[in-house]
Protein backbone atom coordinates (compact mmCIF):
# COMPACT_ATOMS: atom_id res chain seq x y z
CA UNK A 1 -23.39 70.49 -5.76
CA UNK A 2 -20.84 72.14 -3.39
CA UNK A 3 -19.55 69.37 -1.56
CA UNK A 4 -17.41 70.20 1.88
CA UNK A 5 -15.28 66.96 3.10
CA UNK A 6 -13.32 66.97 6.08
CA UNK A 7 -9.82 65.41 5.97
CA UNK A 8 -7.82 67.09 8.51
CA UNK A 9 -6.56 64.08 10.26
CA UNK A 10 -3.78 63.52 7.28
CA UNK A 11 -1.79 64.82 9.99
CA UNK A 12 -1.39 61.52 10.72
CA UNK A 13 -0.80 58.96 7.95
CA UNK A 14 0.67 56.61 10.28
CA UNK A 15 -2.77 55.91 11.89
CA UNK A 16 -5.66 54.47 9.99
CA UNK A 17 -7.43 57.18 10.27
CA UNK A 18 -5.05 59.11 8.78
CA UNK A 19 -5.13 56.40 5.68
CA UNK A 20 -8.09 56.69 5.25
CA UNK A 21 -8.18 60.42 4.86
CA UNK A 22 -6.32 60.33 2.17
CA UNK A 23 -7.37 57.31 0.39
CA UNK A 24 -11.31 58.56 0.54
CA UNK A 25 -10.12 61.85 -1.32
CA UNK A 26 -7.99 60.98 -3.91
CA UNK A 27 -11.03 58.65 -5.09
CA UNK A 28 -13.13 61.55 -4.63
CA UNK A 29 -11.37 64.00 -7.50
CA UNK A 30 -10.66 60.91 -9.29
CA UNK A 31 -14.81 59.85 -9.62
CA UNK A 32 -16.05 63.59 -9.75
CA UNK A 33 -18.70 64.31 -11.04
CA UNK A 34 -18.45 67.18 -13.49
CA UNK A 35 -21.25 69.70 -11.63
CA UNK A 36 -19.51 68.51 -8.43
CA UNK A 37 -17.31 71.60 -6.81
CA UNK A 38 -15.31 69.89 -3.31
CA UNK A 39 -13.56 71.60 -0.94
CA UNK A 40 -10.89 69.54 1.48
CA UNK A 41 -10.42 70.87 4.80
CA UNK A 42 -6.41 69.83 5.17
CA UNK A 43 -3.90 70.84 7.71
CA UNK A 44 -1.95 73.77 7.18
CA UNK A 45 0.97 73.15 4.25
CA UNK A 46 -1.66 70.40 2.71
CA UNK A 47 -3.46 72.76 0.40
CA UNK A 48 -2.51 70.56 -2.96
CA UNK A 49 -2.37 67.05 -2.01
CA UNK A 50 -5.19 65.95 -3.71
CA UNK A 51 -4.39 68.13 -6.63
CA UNK A 52 -3.55 71.43 -7.85
CA UNK A 53 -7.03 74.36 -6.53
CA UNK A 54 -9.01 74.70 -8.85
CA UNK A 55 -12.83 75.91 -10.15
CA UNK A 56 -13.71 72.60 -9.01
CA UNK A 57 -11.36 71.79 -6.44
CA UNK A 58 -10.45 74.21 -3.18
CA UNK A 59 -9.00 73.66 0.53
CA UNK A 60 -9.59 75.31 3.31
CA UNK A 61 -6.29 74.70 6.18
CA UNK A 62 -7.13 73.54 9.74
CA UNK A 63 -6.93 76.14 12.44
CA UNK A 64 -8.43 77.35 15.62
CA UNK A 65 -10.40 79.62 13.69
CA UNK A 66 -12.36 76.86 11.98
CA UNK A 67 -13.47 74.87 14.62
CA UNK A 68 -15.42 78.68 15.38
CA UNK A 69 -16.51 79.82 11.97
CA UNK A 70 -16.54 77.79 8.16
CA UNK A 71 -17.11 80.38 5.43
CA UNK A 72 -19.50 78.67 2.29
CA UNK A 73 -22.76 77.42 1.96
CA UNK A 74 -22.50 73.63 0.77
CA UNK A 75 -24.85 71.43 -0.30
CA UNK A 76 -23.35 68.28 1.47
CA UNK A 77 -20.68 68.22 4.84
CA UNK A 78 -19.61 65.31 5.12
CA UNK A 79 -16.98 64.18 8.20
CA UNK A 80 -14.93 61.37 8.21
CA UNK A 81 -15.36 60.15 11.72
CA UNK A 82 -16.75 60.92 14.60
CA UNK A 83 -14.72 63.17 16.80
CA UNK A 84 -14.30 65.66 14.41
CA UNK A 85 -13.34 68.90 15.91
CA UNK A 86 -15.09 70.95 12.55
CA UNK A 87 -18.55 71.69 12.12
CA UNK A 88 -20.34 73.95 9.56
CA UNK A 89 -21.94 77.00 11.33
CA UNK A 90 -24.08 77.46 8.27
CA UNK A 91 -26.89 74.22 8.07
CA UNK A 92 -25.59 72.22 5.06
CA UNK A 93 -28.50 71.01 2.46
CA UNK A 94 -27.03 67.76 3.75
CA UNK A 95 -24.93 66.23 6.80
CA UNK A 96 -23.19 62.66 6.71
CA UNK A 97 -21.39 61.85 9.45
CA UNK A 98 -18.69 58.48 9.35
CA UNK A 99 -19.19 56.40 12.55
CA UNK A 100 -15.70 54.30 12.33
CA UNK A 101 -16.27 52.43 15.83
CA UNK A 102 -17.89 52.79 19.33
CA UNK A 103 -14.81 50.60 21.13
CA UNK A 104 -14.21 52.89 23.86
CA UNK A 105 -17.48 51.24 25.05
CA UNK A 106 -15.69 48.14 25.30
CA UNK A 107 -12.11 49.09 26.96
CA UNK A 108 -12.30 47.87 30.67
CA UNK A 109 -10.25 51.13 31.82
CA UNK A 110 -12.65 53.20 30.63
CA UNK A 111 -15.40 54.45 33.28
CA UNK A 112 -19.13 54.34 33.20
CA UNK A 113 -18.94 57.97 33.48
CA UNK A 114 -16.36 58.40 30.84
CA UNK A 115 -18.17 55.90 28.75
CA UNK A 116 -21.03 58.03 29.06
CA UNK A 117 -19.84 60.67 28.67
CA UNK A 118 -18.59 59.58 24.95
CA UNK A 119 -21.78 58.43 23.72
CA UNK A 120 -23.26 61.82 24.56
CA UNK A 121 -20.78 63.65 22.45
CA UNK A 122 -21.01 61.13 20.12
CA UNK A 123 -24.81 61.27 20.67
CA UNK A 124 -25.05 65.31 20.35
CA UNK A 125 -23.30 64.62 16.77
CA UNK A 126 -25.47 62.30 15.30
CA UNK A 127 -27.91 64.08 16.32
CA UNK A 128 -27.37 66.87 12.90
CA UNK A 129 -26.37 64.10 10.34
CA UNK A 130 -29.07 63.00 7.86
CA UNK A 131 -26.88 60.15 6.73
CA UNK A 132 -24.75 58.08 9.11
CA UNK A 133 -22.24 55.83 7.58
CA UNK A 134 -20.24 52.91 9.09
CA UNK A 135 -17.39 50.75 8.44
CA UNK A 136 -18.89 47.70 8.91
CA UNK A 137 -22.63 46.22 9.68
CA UNK A 138 -21.28 44.57 12.66
CA UNK A 139 -20.48 49.27 14.14
CA UNK A 140 -23.94 49.85 12.34
CA UNK A 141 -25.37 47.23 14.75
CA UNK A 142 -23.58 49.24 17.62
CA UNK A 143 -24.82 52.26 16.60
CA UNK A 144 -28.34 51.26 16.63
CA UNK A 145 -27.86 49.93 19.96
CA UNK A 146 -26.50 52.51 21.64
CA UNK A 147 -27.68 55.97 19.72
CA UNK A 148 -30.94 57.26 18.69
CA UNK A 149 -31.34 58.15 15.40
CA UNK A 150 -33.59 60.67 14.46
CA UNK A 151 -36.37 58.72 12.28
CA UNK A 152 -34.86 60.75 9.38
CA UNK A 153 -31.62 60.15 10.11
CA UNK A 154 -29.98 57.44 7.39
CA UNK A 155 -27.66 54.63 8.32
CA UNK A 156 -25.65 52.96 5.52
CA UNK A 157 -22.33 50.92 5.77
CA UNK A 158 -19.50 52.11 3.18
CA UNK A 159 -16.16 49.64 3.27
CA UNK A 160 -12.88 51.14 3.78
CA UNK A 161 -10.75 49.73 1.00
CA UNK A 162 -6.85 48.31 0.95
CA UNK A 163 -4.04 50.23 -0.70
CA UNK A 164 -2.06 48.11 -3.15
CA UNK A 165 1.31 48.04 -0.97
CA UNK A 166 4.60 48.40 -3.10
CA UNK A 167 5.80 45.13 -4.51
CA UNK A 168 8.59 43.77 -1.42
CA UNK A 169 12.51 43.66 -1.94
CA UNK A 170 13.53 39.83 -1.94
CA UNK A 171 15.45 40.75 1.58
CA UNK A 172 14.51 41.95 4.44
CA UNK A 173 14.23 45.64 5.13
CA UNK A 174 17.06 46.09 7.89
CA UNK A 175 15.61 48.18 9.58
CA UNK A 176 13.53 46.20 13.53
CA UNK A 177 13.99 42.75 11.40
CA UNK A 178 18.32 42.55 11.62
CA UNK A 179 17.55 38.96 14.30
CA UNK A 180 14.88 37.43 12.25
CA UNK A 181 16.99 34.32 10.56
CA UNK A 182 13.62 31.91 10.65
CA UNK A 183 10.11 32.01 9.53
CA UNK A 184 7.49 33.66 11.58
CA UNK A 185 3.87 34.21 12.04
CA UNK A 186 2.34 37.75 12.34
CA UNK A 187 0.86 40.06 14.72
CA UNK A 188 0.37 43.60 12.63
CA UNK A 189 -1.30 46.78 14.75
CA UNK A 190 -0.53 48.91 17.82
CA UNK A 191 0.29 47.01 21.17
CA UNK A 192 -2.79 47.85 23.18
CA UNK A 193 -4.24 45.92 25.38
CA UNK A 194 -7.98 45.38 23.43
CA UNK A 195 -5.24 43.49 20.43
CA UNK A 196 -5.51 40.14 22.92
CA UNK A 197 -1.72 39.86 21.94
CA UNK A 198 -0.44 38.53 24.76
CA UNK A 199 -2.29 35.32 23.96
CA UNK A 200 -0.23 34.52 20.97
CA UNK A 201 2.50 33.75 23.58
CA UNK A 202 1.68 30.25 23.53
CA UNK A 203 2.32 30.27 19.83
CA UNK A 204 5.63 31.18 20.91
CA UNK A 205 6.45 28.60 23.20
CA UNK A 206 4.54 25.90 20.77
CA UNK A 207 7.11 26.95 17.69
CA UNK A 208 10.16 27.35 19.14
CA UNK A 209 11.46 27.57 15.64
CA UNK A 210 8.97 30.23 14.59
CA UNK A 211 9.37 33.73 15.41
CA UNK A 212 6.35 35.69 16.65
CA UNK A 213 6.96 39.42 15.20
CA UNK A 214 4.74 41.62 17.07
CA UNK A 215 4.81 44.54 14.64
CA UNK A 216 3.26 48.16 15.41
CA UNK A 217 3.49 51.13 17.40
CA UNK A 218 4.60 49.42 21.18
CA UNK A 219 4.63 52.78 23.36
CA UNK A 220 1.88 51.27 25.58
CA UNK A 221 2.53 50.32 28.61
CA UNK A 222 1.21 46.67 27.27
CA UNK A 223 3.87 46.73 25.02
CA UNK A 224 6.39 46.47 28.02
CA UNK A 225 3.73 43.84 29.87
CA UNK A 226 4.34 41.95 26.43
CA UNK A 227 7.83 41.83 26.44
CA UNK A 228 8.24 40.72 30.54
CA UNK A 229 6.20 38.04 30.07
CA UNK A 230 7.59 36.62 26.81
CA UNK A 231 11.02 36.54 28.84
CA UNK A 232 8.29 34.82 31.77
CA UNK A 233 7.43 31.90 29.85
CA UNK A 234 11.53 31.99 27.87
CA UNK A 235 10.33 32.63 24.64
CA UNK A 236 12.72 34.34 23.18
CA UNK A 237 11.68 34.26 19.17
CA UNK A 238 9.15 36.98 20.17
CA UNK A 239 10.03 40.46 18.47
CA UNK A 240 9.31 43.72 18.30
CA UNK A 241 9.43 45.86 15.89
CA UNK A 242 7.84 49.17 16.31
CA UNK A 243 5.97 50.87 14.19
CA UNK A 244 6.77 49.87 10.08
CA UNK A 245 6.98 51.60 7.09
CA UNK A 246 4.96 50.58 3.69
CA UNK A 247 8.10 48.76 1.96
CA UNK A 248 8.60 46.52 5.32
CA UNK A 249 4.98 46.13 5.66
CA UNK A 250 4.21 44.37 2.54
CA UNK A 251 7.57 42.53 3.00
CA UNK A 252 6.56 41.26 6.17
CA UNK A 253 3.31 40.37 4.73
CA UNK A 254 4.41 38.69 1.91
CA UNK A 255 7.25 36.37 3.62
CA UNK A 256 4.74 35.70 6.64
CA UNK A 257 3.50 31.75 7.32
CA UNK A 258 0.44 33.32 8.70
CA UNK A 259 -1.59 36.89 10.09
CA UNK A 260 -2.81 36.43 13.68
CA UNK A 261 -4.72 39.09 14.69
CA UNK A 262 -6.87 38.21 18.11
CA UNK A 263 -8.73 41.18 18.73
CA UNK A 264 -11.28 41.67 21.21
CA UNK A 265 -12.68 45.35 19.23
CA UNK A 266 -12.35 46.17 15.61
CA UNK A 267 -14.34 48.40 13.56
CA UNK A 268 -13.25 47.39 10.43
CA UNK A 269 -9.95 45.80 10.71
CA UNK A 270 -7.33 46.65 7.93
CA UNK A 271 -4.73 44.59 8.23
CA UNK A 272 -6.88 41.28 7.93
CA UNK A 273 -7.84 42.38 4.25
CA UNK A 274 -4.37 43.37 3.46
CA UNK A 275 -2.63 40.11 4.99
CA UNK A 276 -5.57 38.25 2.87
CA UNK A 277 -4.40 40.29 0.12
CA UNK A 278 -1.37 38.10 -0.13
CA UNK A 279 -2.97 35.40 -0.06
CA UNK A 280 -1.95 34.09 3.39
CA UNK A 281 -4.20 32.50 6.13
CA UNK A 282 -5.32 34.62 8.45
CA UNK A 283 -6.59 33.87 12.00
CA UNK A 284 -9.26 35.93 13.87
CA UNK A 285 -10.54 36.30 17.11
CA UNK A 286 -14.52 35.97 16.38
CA UNK A 287 -15.28 39.04 17.80
CA UNK A 288 -16.99 42.16 16.56
CA UNK A 289 -16.76 43.18 12.45
CA UNK A 290 -13.64 40.72 12.05
CA UNK A 291 -16.13 37.53 11.06
CA UNK A 292 -18.32 40.05 8.81
CA UNK A 293 -13.86 41.21 7.25
CA UNK A 294 -12.62 37.93 6.88
CA UNK A 295 -15.67 35.70 5.94
CA UNK A 296 -15.80 32.24 5.41
CA UNK A 297 -11.98 32.24 3.94
CA UNK A 298 -10.75 33.35 7.71
CA UNK A 299 -9.55 30.34 10.13
CA UNK A 300 -11.65 31.70 14.18
CA UNK A 301 -9.87 31.09 17.91
CA UNK A 302 -13.18 29.51 19.51
CA UNK A 303 -11.31 30.11 22.58
CA UNK A 304 -8.14 31.64 23.91
CA UNK A 305 -6.82 29.06 25.93
CA UNK A 306 -3.33 28.05 24.77
CA UNK A 307 -3.48 24.79 23.59
CA UNK A 308 -7.02 25.74 21.86
CA UNK A 309 -4.98 28.54 20.73
CA UNK A 310 -1.99 26.60 19.56
CA UNK A 311 -4.06 23.68 17.83
CA UNK A 312 -6.25 26.46 16.22
CA UNK A 313 -3.24 27.39 14.58
CA UNK A 314 -1.93 24.07 14.00
CA UNK A 315 -5.51 22.87 11.88
CA UNK A 316 -5.86 25.76 9.85
CA UNK A 317 -2.29 25.39 8.99
CA UNK A 318 -2.57 21.84 7.97
CA UNK A 319 -6.16 22.50 6.00
CA UNK A 320 -4.42 25.63 4.37
CA UNK A 321 -1.68 24.06 2.80
CA UNK A 322 -3.97 21.18 1.97
CA UNK A 323 -6.28 23.15 0.18
CA UNK A 324 -4.45 24.82 -2.99
CA UNK A 325 -6.99 26.95 -4.12
CA UNK A 326 -6.75 28.62 -0.76
CA UNK A 327 -4.75 31.42 -1.54
CA UNK A 328 -6.36 32.20 -4.35
CA UNK A 329 -9.56 32.95 -2.15
CA UNK A 330 -8.64 34.80 -0.08
CA UNK A 331 -7.37 37.43 -2.19
CA UNK A 332 -10.84 37.50 -3.20
CA UNK A 333 -12.08 37.94 -0.18
CA UNK A 334 -9.36 40.87 -0.05
CA UNK A 335 -10.93 42.15 -3.39
CA UNK A 336 -13.97 43.09 -1.74
CA UNK A 337 -13.19 46.00 0.10
CA UNK A 338 -11.68 48.70 -2.59
CA UNK A 339 -10.90 52.26 -2.79
CA UNK A 340 -12.91 53.31 -5.80
CA UNK A 341 -16.11 51.13 -4.14
CA UNK A 342 -15.52 53.62 -1.22
CA UNK A 343 -15.37 56.29 -3.07
CA UNK A 344 -18.26 55.52 -5.71
CA UNK A 345 -20.43 54.83 -2.67
CA UNK A 346 -19.91 58.65 -0.99
CA UNK A 347 -20.68 60.31 -4.74
CA UNK A 348 -23.94 58.05 -4.64
CA UNK A 349 -24.62 59.31 -0.68
CA UNK A 350 -23.63 63.10 -2.17
CA UNK A 351 -25.96 62.66 -4.88
CA UNK A 352 -28.47 61.20 -3.01
CA UNK A 353 -32.65 63.00 -2.33
């Protein structure tokens, strides 16, 4: 059985998609059956990223030419995201397409015409697939609602995993955290309007003895809007760190009082799983995939009004400290999402008749 997997997006390992491509590739190699041959599409210079080339492990480096022609006939071709630029020039035995999300449909900054164009492009790709996988049941329901799937196409949820983060140091890593001298609440993710982070400024106001740490990429104009809004509210306890490395991320999870994630649109919600793996209370939006990921152990914001946000946090923290078993249940919820489960599910799909 000859398998082709597009992992070209490992060129950006600071993105969730880049990390997914890396971890899926590693698990596919670790669980590779004896009768299977794997070929990975990788960025230039990344040959060997999943192990030395061998008769059962091959690499093709991405280039503009690969978008026009990919040699070889494969039994299975797997594109790990719906916007992949590389497609087979010869029809494979089975084409598997992973749709991470259709979040663009919820973006207020996209016109209806732009949304329609993007949806039509995804529909064209879906038309070629015999199997479509999604990262959550919620995303699967969105796919069913907005795409017309051919009768032969199978739709299946394959959860992604959470990687073990490094052991956090006893002292805070210096980058971006020099001024952090008080207990803190944590948000981690790109600072973008869809993340709804401005609603958390009410918590910064209500808890002046705590810092509100906003960790993640902050090059969108929304990040500057957050700074200005915090200044207008007199909330000098809001700290934007910018992107953080794995050591810093682990320290933030391990030392935060709670993880706050009021996002409006998520295909999965990996930071939620990471925070739960540290046994931390998580406070989430009740929208899109987040209830599926947080389950019964998370606390949900029923309203984004400032008073409701603050009261939800107060009540949730009281319940957390009154329940000594809560951290362990949060870790069990996080343990549902492991990369070995992802790899196993994909090998079952590849072998499916």
